[in-house]
Amino acid sequence: MEIKTTDKIVESVMWKLKARSEIGITKYNTTLQDSKETKLEFLRHAQCEAMDLCNYLEVLIQREENAI
């Protein structure tokens, strides 16, 4: 399935998602679709990613506030 868009931002995100997928397939030797990880394992991965995001946001907020 091909998705067409004229939005350069959406196109950029799509390319990054594809690249990220290829990295994961290489690293884990499987696709997300075929992964044997449990629901709990996926939840833990998502939680870790969300915590990383919070840390990245916090450093950017503090930099904008000139706090660090």
Protein backbone atom coordinates (compact mmCIF):
# COMPACT_ATOMS: atom_id res chain seq x y z
CA MET A 1 0.00 0.00 0.00
CA GLU A 2 1.35 3.38 -0.97
CA ILE A 3 0.35 6.48 0.93
CA LYS A 4 0.69 9.77 -0.88
CA THR A 5 0.96 13.11 0.86
CA THR A 6 1.87 16.63 -0.12
CA ASP A 7 2.73 17.47 3.48
CA LYS A 8 6.53 17.51 3.81
CA ILE A 9 6.34 17.08 7.59
CA VAL A 10 4.18 13.96 7.32
CA GLU A 11 6.48 12.63 4.61
CA SER A 12 9.50 13.19 6.86
CA VAL A 13 7.84 11.32 9.72
CA MET A 14 6.91 8.46 7.39
CA TRP A 15 10.52 8.07 6.25
CA LYS A 16 11.75 8.14 9.84
CA LEU A 17 9.21 5.48 10.85
CA LYS A 18 10.36 3.28 7.98
CA ALA A 19 14.01 3.72 8.93
CA ARG A 20 13.23 3.00 12.58
CA SER A 21 11.35 -0.14 11.56
CA GLU A 22 14.33 -1.39 9.55
CA ILE A 23 16.62 -0.84 12.54
CA GLY A 24 14.26 -2.82 14.78
CA ILE A 25 13.94 -5.66 12.27
CA THR A 26 17.71 -5.92 12.05
CA LYS A 27 18.20 -5.68 15.82
CA TYR A 28 15.45 -8.13 16.84
CA ASN A 29 15.35 -10.26 13.69
CA THR A 30 11.57 -9.89 13.47
CA THR A 31 8.87 -7.39 12.66
CA LEU A 32 6.51 -5.95 15.25
CA GLN A 33 3.72 -7.89 13.58
CA ASP A 34 5.55 -11.20 14.05
CA SER A 35 7.07 -10.41 17.44
CA LYS A 36 6.54 -13.01 20.17
CA GLU A 37 6.82 -10.44 22.96
CA THR A 38 4.01 -10.41 25.47
CA LYS A 39 1.60 -7.58 26.11
CA LEU A 40 3.44 -6.85 29.36
CA GLU A 41 6.79 -6.66 27.55
CA PHE A 42 5.36 -4.20 25.03
CA LEU A 43 3.90 -2.14 27.87
CA ARG A 44 7.29 -2.03 29.59
CA HIS A 45 9.02 -0.96 26.36
CA ALA A 46 6.44 1.78 25.87
CA GLN A 47 6.83 2.96 29.46
CA CYS A 48 10.61 3.23 29.07
CA GLU A 49 10.20 5.19 25.83
CA ALA A 50 7.70 7.53 27.53
CA MET A 51 10.11 8.14 30.41
CA ASP A 52 12.90 8.94 27.94
CA LEU A 53 10.56 11.39 26.23
CA CYS A 54 9.83 13.09 29.56
CA ASN A 55 13.55 13.50 30.17
CA TYR A 56 14.12 14.96 26.70
CA LEU A 57 11.23 17.37 27.18
CA GLU A 58 12.48 18.44 30.59
CA VAL A 59 15.96 19.30 29.35
CA LEU A 60 14.51 21.33 26.48
CA ILE A 61 12.11 23.16 28.81
CA GLN A 62 14.92 23.98 31.21
CA ARG A 63 17.12 25.19 28.38
CA GLU A 64 14.32 27.44 27.12
CA GLU A 65 13.87 28.80 30.64
CA ASN A 66 17.64 29.33 30.82
CA ALA A 67 17.67 27.21 33.96
CA ILE A 68 20.59 25.09 32.75
